[in-house]
Amino acid sequence: MPFCPKCRFEYTPEVEVCPDCGGSLVPELEKEKVEDIKYVPLRKVPSRLYAEMLQETLEKQDIPCLLKGDDIGVFLGALGTTSVLPVTVWVPEELKEKAEEIAFQILGEI
């Protein structure tokens, strides 16, 4: 199946040009390296549970993200809606605006 190297979408074999950006399709995508992506903070959420919920939704929209926090509940096997320390969700800089819209739809002002 061909892929668009810019949009990173997969198309059926008969498609030769990306309908979104007009770029030529390639047979295989080059793997992105995490260190090549500049991550920026999206938002802090009150617990790892909220962070993982947001992470799952973002990744379904092809937005990679990282979670950073010192949530002791993970080590103890206790996930809840609140914790002592918030968790920060990080996304690629070029996808932050789209991620902010999704985060607001999912979590509102949390």
N, C-alpha and C. Protein backbone atom coordinates (compact mmCIF):
# COMPACT_ATOMS: atom_id res chain seq x y z
N MET A 1 0.84 -1.18 0.00
CA MET A 1 0.00 0.00 0.00
C MET A 1 0.88 1.24 0.00
N PRO A 2 0.54 2.25 -0.78
CA PRO A 2 1.34 3.48 -0.81
C PRO A 2 0.99 4.42 0.36
N PHE A 3 1.97 5.25 0.71
CA PHE A 3 1.82 6.20 1.80
C PHE A 3 2.21 7.59 1.33
N CYS A 4 1.64 8.60 1.98
CA CYS A 4 2.08 9.97 1.75
C CYS A 4 3.19 10.26 2.76
N PRO A 5 4.39 10.63 2.29
CA PRO A 5 5.48 10.89 3.24
C PRO A 5 5.26 12.14 4.08
N LYS A 6 4.41 13.06 3.62
CA LYS A 6 4.16 14.29 4.38
C LYS A 6 3.01 14.09 5.37
N CYS A 7 1.87 13.62 4.88
CA CYS A 7 0.69 13.44 5.73
C CYS A 7 0.74 12.15 6.54
N ARG A 8 1.53 11.18 6.05
CA ARG A 8 1.72 9.90 6.70
C ARG A 8 0.47 9.02 6.69
N PHE A 9 -0.41 9.23 5.70
CA PHE A 9 -1.59 8.39 5.56
C PHE A 9 -1.33 7.29 4.55
N GLU A 10 -2.04 6.18 4.72
CA GLU A 10 -1.92 5.05 3.81
C GLU A 10 -3.10 5.09 2.83
N TYR A 11 -2.83 4.76 1.56
CA TYR A 11 -3.86 4.78 0.53
C TYR A 11 -3.94 3.43 -0.19
N THR A 12 -5.01 3.24 -0.93
CA THR A 12 -5.17 2.01 -1.73
C THR A 12 -4.18 2.05 -2.89
N PRO A 13 -3.83 0.87 -3.44
CA PRO A 13 -2.79 0.79 -4.47
C PRO A 13 -3.03 1.67 -5.71
N GLU A 14 -4.27 1.90 -6.08
CA GLU A 14 -4.52 2.69 -7.30
C GLU A 14 -4.30 4.19 -7.13
N VAL A 15 -4.16 4.67 -5.88
CA VAL A 15 -3.92 6.10 -5.63
C VAL A 15 -2.42 6.36 -5.79
N GLU A 16 -2.07 7.39 -6.56
CA GLU A 16 -0.66 7.72 -6.81
C GLU A 16 -0.24 9.06 -6.22
N VAL A 17 -1.24 9.93 -5.97
CA VAL A 17 -0.97 11.27 -5.45
C VAL A 17 -1.85 11.49 -4.22
N CYS A 18 -1.29 12.08 -3.19
CA CYS A 18 -2.04 12.34 -1.96
C CYS A 18 -3.16 13.34 -2.24
N PRO A 19 -4.40 12.98 -1.95
CA PRO A 19 -5.51 13.91 -2.19
C PRO A 19 -5.52 15.11 -1.24
N ASP A 20 -4.79 15.02 -0.12
CA ASP A 20 -4.75 16.12 0.83
C ASP A 20 -3.70 17.17 0.49
N CYS A 21 -2.46 16.71 0.21
CA CYS A 21 -1.37 17.67 0.00
C CYS A 21 -0.85 17.69 -1.44
N GLY A 22 -1.26 16.72 -2.25
CA GLY A 22 -0.81 16.68 -3.64
C GLY A 22 0.56 16.05 -3.84
N GLY A 23 1.16 15.54 -2.78
CA GLY A 23 2.48 14.94 -2.88
C GLY A 23 2.44 13.54 -3.48
N SER A 24 3.57 13.13 -4.04
CA SER A 24 3.69 11.78 -4.59
C SER A 24 3.77 10.77 -3.46
N LEU A 25 3.12 9.63 -3.64
CA LEU A 25 3.12 8.59 -2.63
C LEU A 25 4.35 7.71 -2.75
N VAL A 26 4.74 7.10 -1.64
CA VAL A 26 5.91 6.21 -1.60
C VAL A 26 5.45 4.84 -1.10
N PRO A 27 6.19 3.78 -1.45
CA PRO A 27 5.76 2.44 -1.04
C PRO A 27 5.89 2.18 0.46
N GLU A 28 6.76 2.92 1.14
CA GLU A 28 6.99 2.68 2.56
C GLU A 28 7.39 3.99 3.23
N LEU A 29 6.91 4.20 4.46
CA LEU A 29 7.27 5.40 5.20
C LEU A 29 8.59 5.21 5.92
N GLU A 30 9.37 6.28 5.95
CA GLU A 30 10.59 6.27 6.74
C GLU A 30 10.19 6.42 8.20
N LYS A 31 10.78 5.63 9.06
CA LYS A 31 10.43 5.67 10.48
C LYS A 31 10.90 6.97 11.11
N GLU A 32 9.98 7.60 11.86
CA GLU A 32 10.36 8.81 12.59
C GLU A 32 11.08 8.42 13.87
N LYS A 33 12.06 9.18 14.21
CA LYS A 33 12.76 8.97 15.47
C LYS A 33 12.21 9.94 16.49
N VAL A 34 11.99 9.45 17.71
CA VAL A 34 11.45 10.31 18.75
C VAL A 34 12.32 11.53 18.96
N GLU A 35 13.65 11.35 18.85
CA GLU A 35 14.54 12.50 19.09
C GLU A 35 14.46 13.54 17.98
N ASP A 36 13.88 13.18 16.81
CA ASP A 36 13.71 14.14 15.73
C ASP A 36 12.46 15.00 15.90
N ILE A 37 11.62 14.65 16.85
CA ILE A 37 10.37 15.36 17.06
C ILE A 37 10.54 16.32 18.23
N LYS A 38 10.17 17.59 18.03
CA LYS A 38 10.24 18.56 19.13
C LYS A 38 8.90 18.53 19.87
N TYR A 39 8.93 17.99 21.08
CA TYR A 39 7.72 17.92 21.90
C TYR A 39 7.58 19.17 22.75
N VAL A 40 6.33 19.62 22.91
CA VAL A 40 6.01 20.77 23.75
C VAL A 40 4.88 20.36 24.69
N PRO A 41 4.78 21.00 25.85
CA PRO A 41 3.70 20.64 26.77
C PRO A 41 2.33 21.05 26.20
N LEU A 42 1.38 20.14 26.29
CA LEU A 42 0.01 20.40 25.86
C LEU A 42 -0.79 20.94 27.03
N ARG A 43 -0.85 20.17 28.10
CA ARG A 43 -1.53 20.61 29.32
C ARG A 43 -1.23 19.67 30.47
N LYS A 44 -1.43 20.18 31.67
CA LYS A 44 -1.32 19.36 32.87
C LYS A 44 -2.73 18.86 33.19
N VAL A 45 -2.79 17.61 33.61
CA VAL A 45 -4.06 17.03 34.03
C VAL A 45 -3.89 16.53 35.45
N PRO A 46 -4.99 16.41 36.20
CA PRO A 46 -4.86 16.10 37.63
C PRO A 46 -4.43 14.68 37.96
N SER A 47 -4.42 13.77 36.99
CA SER A 47 -4.00 12.41 37.32
C SER A 47 -3.55 11.66 36.07
N ARG A 48 -2.90 10.55 36.28
CA ARG A 48 -2.46 9.69 35.18
C ARG A 48 -3.66 9.12 34.43
N LEU A 49 -4.77 8.88 35.10
CA LEU A 49 -5.97 8.36 34.45
C LEU A 49 -6.44 9.31 33.35
N TYR A 50 -6.54 10.60 33.67
CA TYR A 50 -6.91 11.60 32.66
C TYR A 50 -5.86 11.65 31.55
N ALA A 51 -4.60 11.59 31.93
CA ALA A 51 -3.51 11.66 30.94
C ALA A 51 -3.59 10.49 29.97
N GLU A 52 -3.83 9.30 30.48
CA GLU A 52 -3.90 8.12 29.61
C GLU A 52 -5.15 8.15 28.73
N MET A 53 -6.24 8.69 29.25
CA MET A 53 -7.46 8.84 28.45
C MET A 53 -7.20 9.80 27.29
N LEU A 54 -6.54 10.91 27.57
CA LEU A 54 -6.21 11.88 26.53
C LEU A 54 -5.19 11.29 25.55
N GLN A 55 -4.21 10.58 26.07
CA GLN A 55 -3.19 9.96 25.22
C GLN A 55 -3.84 8.99 24.22
N GLU A 56 -4.74 8.16 24.68
CA GLU A 56 -5.41 7.20 23.80
C GLU A 56 -6.18 7.92 22.68
N THR A 57 -6.88 8.98 23.05
CA THR A 57 -7.65 9.73 22.06
C THR A 57 -6.74 10.41 21.04
N LEU A 58 -5.66 11.03 21.52
CA LEU A 58 -4.73 11.70 20.60
C LEU A 58 -4.08 10.70 19.66
N GLU A 59 -3.66 9.56 20.17
CA GLU A 59 -3.00 8.57 19.32
C GLU A 59 -3.95 7.99 18.28
N LYS A 60 -5.24 7.93 18.58
CA LYS A 60 -6.23 7.50 17.58
C LYS A 60 -6.34 8.52 16.44
N GLN A 61 -5.95 9.76 16.73
CA GLN A 61 -5.94 10.83 15.72
C GLN A 61 -4.54 11.03 15.13
N ASP A 62 -3.68 10.03 15.32
CA ASP A 62 -2.30 10.05 14.81
C ASP A 62 -1.47 11.19 15.37
N ILE A 63 -1.71 11.52 16.63
CA ILE A 63 -0.90 12.52 17.33
C ILE A 63 -0.13 11.80 18.43
N PRO A 64 1.18 11.60 18.24
CA PRO A 64 1.95 10.93 19.29
C PRO A 64 2.05 11.84 20.51
N CYS A 65 2.15 11.24 21.67
CA CYS A 65 2.31 12.07 22.86
C CYS A 65 3.10 11.33 23.93
N LEU A 66 3.64 12.11 24.83
CA LEU A 66 4.41 11.59 25.95
C LEU A 66 3.74 12.06 27.23
N LEU A 67 3.81 11.24 28.26
CA LEU A 67 3.28 11.60 29.56
C LEU A 67 4.44 11.75 30.52
N LYS A 68 4.46 12.87 31.24
CA LYS A 68 5.52 13.11 32.21
C LYS A 68 4.89 13.50 33.54
N GLY A 69 5.27 12.77 34.56
CA GLY A 69 4.76 13.09 35.89
C GLY A 69 5.35 12.14 36.91
N ASP A 70 5.27 12.52 38.15
CA ASP A 70 5.77 11.70 39.25
C ASP A 70 4.58 11.14 40.02
N ASP A 71 3.76 10.39 39.33
CA ASP A 71 2.55 9.86 39.93
C ASP A 71 2.84 8.54 40.63
N ILE A 72 2.90 8.56 41.92
CA ILE A 72 3.21 7.37 42.72
C ILE A 72 2.14 6.30 42.59
N GLY A 73 0.91 6.69 42.22
CA GLY A 73 -0.17 5.73 42.07
C GLY A 73 0.12 4.65 41.05
N VAL A 74 0.88 4.96 40.03
CA VAL A 74 1.23 3.96 39.02
C VAL A 74 2.04 2.84 39.64
N PHE A 75 2.97 3.19 40.50
CA PHE A 75 3.82 2.20 41.13
C PHE A 75 3.06 1.35 42.14
N LEU A 76 2.02 1.94 42.71
CA LEU A 76 1.23 1.20 43.69
C LEU A 76 0.05 0.48 43.05
N GLY A 77 -0.15 0.68 41.76
CA GLY A 77 -1.25 0.03 41.06
C GLY A 77 -2.59 0.68 41.32
N ALA A 78 -2.58 1.93 41.77
CA ALA A 78 -3.83 2.63 42.06
C ALA A 78 -4.01 3.77 41.08
N LEU A 79 -4.99 3.65 40.21
CA LEU A 79 -5.30 4.73 39.29
C LEU A 79 -6.60 5.39 39.73
N GLY A 80 -6.57 6.67 39.85
CA GLY A 80 -7.78 7.40 40.24
C GLY A 80 -7.90 8.67 39.43
N THR A 81 -8.92 9.44 39.72
CA THR A 81 -9.12 10.68 38.98
C THR A 81 -8.34 11.85 39.57
N THR A 82 -7.78 11.67 40.75
CA THR A 82 -6.95 12.73 41.32
C THR A 82 -5.69 12.10 41.90
N SER A 83 -4.66 12.89 41.99
CA SER A 83 -3.42 12.44 42.61
C SER A 83 -2.74 13.65 43.20
N VAL A 84 -1.70 13.41 43.94
CA VAL A 84 -0.98 14.50 44.57
C VAL A 84 -0.29 15.38 43.53
N LEU A 85 0.29 14.74 42.51
CA LEU A 85 1.03 15.47 41.49
C LEU A 85 0.36 15.34 40.13
N PRO A 86 0.26 16.43 39.40
CA PRO A 86 -0.35 16.35 38.07
C PRO A 86 0.58 15.67 37.07
N VAL A 87 0.02 15.26 35.96
CA VAL A 87 0.77 14.65 34.87
C VAL A 87 0.68 15.61 33.69
N THR A 88 1.81 15.84 33.02
CA THR A 88 1.83 16.72 31.85
C THR A 88 1.84 15.88 30.59
N VAL A 89 0.96 16.26 29.66
CA VAL A 89 0.89 15.59 28.36
C VAL A 89 1.67 16.46 27.37
N TRP A 90 2.61 15.83 26.65
CA TRP A 90 3.45 16.52 25.67
C TRP A 90 3.12 16.01 24.28
N VAL A 91 3.10 16.91 23.29
CA VAL A 91 2.80 16.55 21.90
C VAL A 91 3.82 17.22 20.97
N PRO A 92 3.93 16.74 19.73
CA PRO A 92 4.81 17.41 18.77
C PRO A 92 4.35 18.85 18.56
N GLU A 93 5.30 19.74 18.48
CA GLU A 93 5.00 21.17 18.36
C GLU A 93 4.06 21.47 17.19
N GLU A 94 4.30 20.82 16.04
CA GLU A 94 3.49 21.13 14.86
C GLU A 94 2.05 20.60 14.95
N LEU A 95 1.77 19.75 15.95
CA LEU A 95 0.43 19.20 16.12
C LEU A 95 -0.28 19.74 17.36
N LYS A 96 0.34 20.72 18.02
CA LYS A 96 -0.20 21.21 19.28
C LYS A 96 -1.59 21.83 19.13
N GLU A 97 -1.81 22.61 18.10
CA GLU A 97 -3.10 23.27 17.93
C GLU A 97 -4.22 22.24 17.78
N LYS A 98 -4.00 21.25 16.94
CA LYS A 98 -5.00 20.18 16.75
C LYS A 98 -5.20 19.42 18.06
N ALA A 99 -4.11 19.15 18.77
CA ALA A 99 -4.19 18.43 20.04
C ALA A 99 -4.95 19.23 21.09
N GLU A 100 -4.79 20.56 21.10
CA GLU A 100 -5.51 21.40 22.05
C GLU A 100 -7.02 21.31 21.83
N GLU A 101 -7.43 21.30 20.56
CA GLU A 101 -8.86 21.18 20.25
C GLU A 101 -9.41 19.85 20.75
N ILE A 102 -8.67 18.78 20.52
CA ILE A 102 -9.10 17.46 20.95
C ILE A 102 -9.14 17.38 22.47
N ALA A 103 -8.12 17.91 23.12
CA ALA A 103 -8.05 17.89 24.58
C ALA A 103 -9.24 18.64 25.19
N PHE A 104 -9.61 19.76 24.61
CA PHE A 104 -10.73 20.52 25.13
C PHE A 104 -12.04 19.75 24.94
N GLN A 105 -12.19 19.09 23.79
CA GLN A 105 -13.40 18.29 23.54
C GLN A 105 -13.51 17.14 24.54
N ILE A 106 -12.39 16.54 24.89
CA ILE A 106 -12.39 15.39 25.79
C ILE A 106 -12.48 15.80 27.26
N LEU A 107 -11.68 16.80 27.65
CA LEU A 107 -11.54 17.13 29.08
C LEU A 107 -12.12 18.48 29.49
N GLY A 108 -12.49 19.30 28.53
CA GLY A 108 -12.98 20.63 28.88
C GLY A 108 -11.90 21.44 29.57
N GLU A 109 -12.25 22.05 30.68
CA GLU A 109 -11.31 22.90 31.42
C GLU A 109 -10.53 22.17 32.51
N ILE A 110 -10.62 20.84 32.53
CA ILE A 110 -9.92 20.08 33.58
C ILE A 110 -8.44 20.36 33.52
